[in-house]
Amino acid sequence: MSADRGGPAQPILIVNGLRKYFPLRGPLGTIDAHVQAVDGIGFDVRKGETLGVVGESGCGKSTTARLLMRLIEPDAGEVIFDGDPIGHRGISIRELRRNMQMVFQDSYASLNPRHTATEEIVFGLRVHGMGSKQAREQAHASLRLVGLEPGQFGDRYPHEMSGGQRQRVNIARGIALNPRVLILDESVSALDKSVQAQVLNLLADLKDRLNLTYVFISHDLNVVHHVSDRVLVMYLGKVVEIGPVERIYGDAAHPYTRALFASRLSMDPALRVGAAPLSGDPPNPVRPPSGCRFRTRCSLATQACAASEPLLREIAPGHQAACHALTGEMADAA
């Protein structure tokens, strides 16, 4: 696949109707129900941007990342990479993974404990057909790009490195194939704040130097605000809002997004959160509410919210939200 074959205006990723349900099996092995982890979501990722993905634990962020990488197969929907569908009608999974790589949260578990840093990177390059000598040279070049001198760190095993160093090896492995997209799934969440800042600065530098596009998944709203160009908000397997970062953070539209941001902790004692911005627990993903899945915790909910599911609609240029109260559908239903 040639780089940027669709031109700068074409999104690098287009996601349509992506769905993944995980079966729950009973004592006899029969499927009794399904966890609706990701349920018919759609969005795009523009070339050269960082799309931040936020939401509560269990909302489907990490499942979405694995669906994009085809680490798990979707039940329905499609992912289009720079104009080509993924699968038998378009590019192969192998070709997709040459162009899109993923960095996981657990820097230790995602590395082979029997591989040195160099061997870990070489292994992936060899899988994709690169010769041994070239793969080793490329591995060393990737380590240098992430600030690890191969002579000092190349022969170290994961247990001989700090968490920040291991995550740099993971990033080096991710960029070794010269991909166009990096999916970063909570990639700095397990790091100390000082190390986290260093890795975020590294990611920003690599993005500019290598012309990368990022999908940055995190529960840390402040980090997402710092690194993102646009933000996608998920709730219980659905996309509820997406738009430019400053608009989402400065003028969030969806009631869930507003509650999510209101829950952020502040270092200023005068800005302490006195009461929880949301009441009640998230609904069961096995049996989610009808209509809008947020309605059971929403102060704006009416009968219209239970009767039909709100669709993502544009409420301002480039800003979409899925809420009947924002689109006038409550008034229409009344």
Foldseek 3Di string as FASTA:
>chain_A
DDPLPLHQVFFQKWWFQFWAWAFDADPVRHGPFTQGQAGTETDTFGFLFEEEEAEDPSLNPVVVVCCQLPVDDTPDIWMAGSNATEDPRGDDSLVSLLAEEEQEAQLQVVFDQVAFLLRRLLVVVVVNPDDNVVSSVLLQVLLVLLPHHCVVRRRDGPVVDDRLSSLSSSVSSSPSSLHQEYEYANSLVVDDPVSSVSVLVSVVVCCVVSSHYYHYYDNPLVVCLVRGQKYWYGGLNYTFKIAGSCCCLVPNDDLVSVQSNLPDADPDPVSGDPDRSWDDDQDRSRDAQAADSCQVTDPPDDVVRRPHHFDWDDLDVRITGGDCVSPVVVVVVD
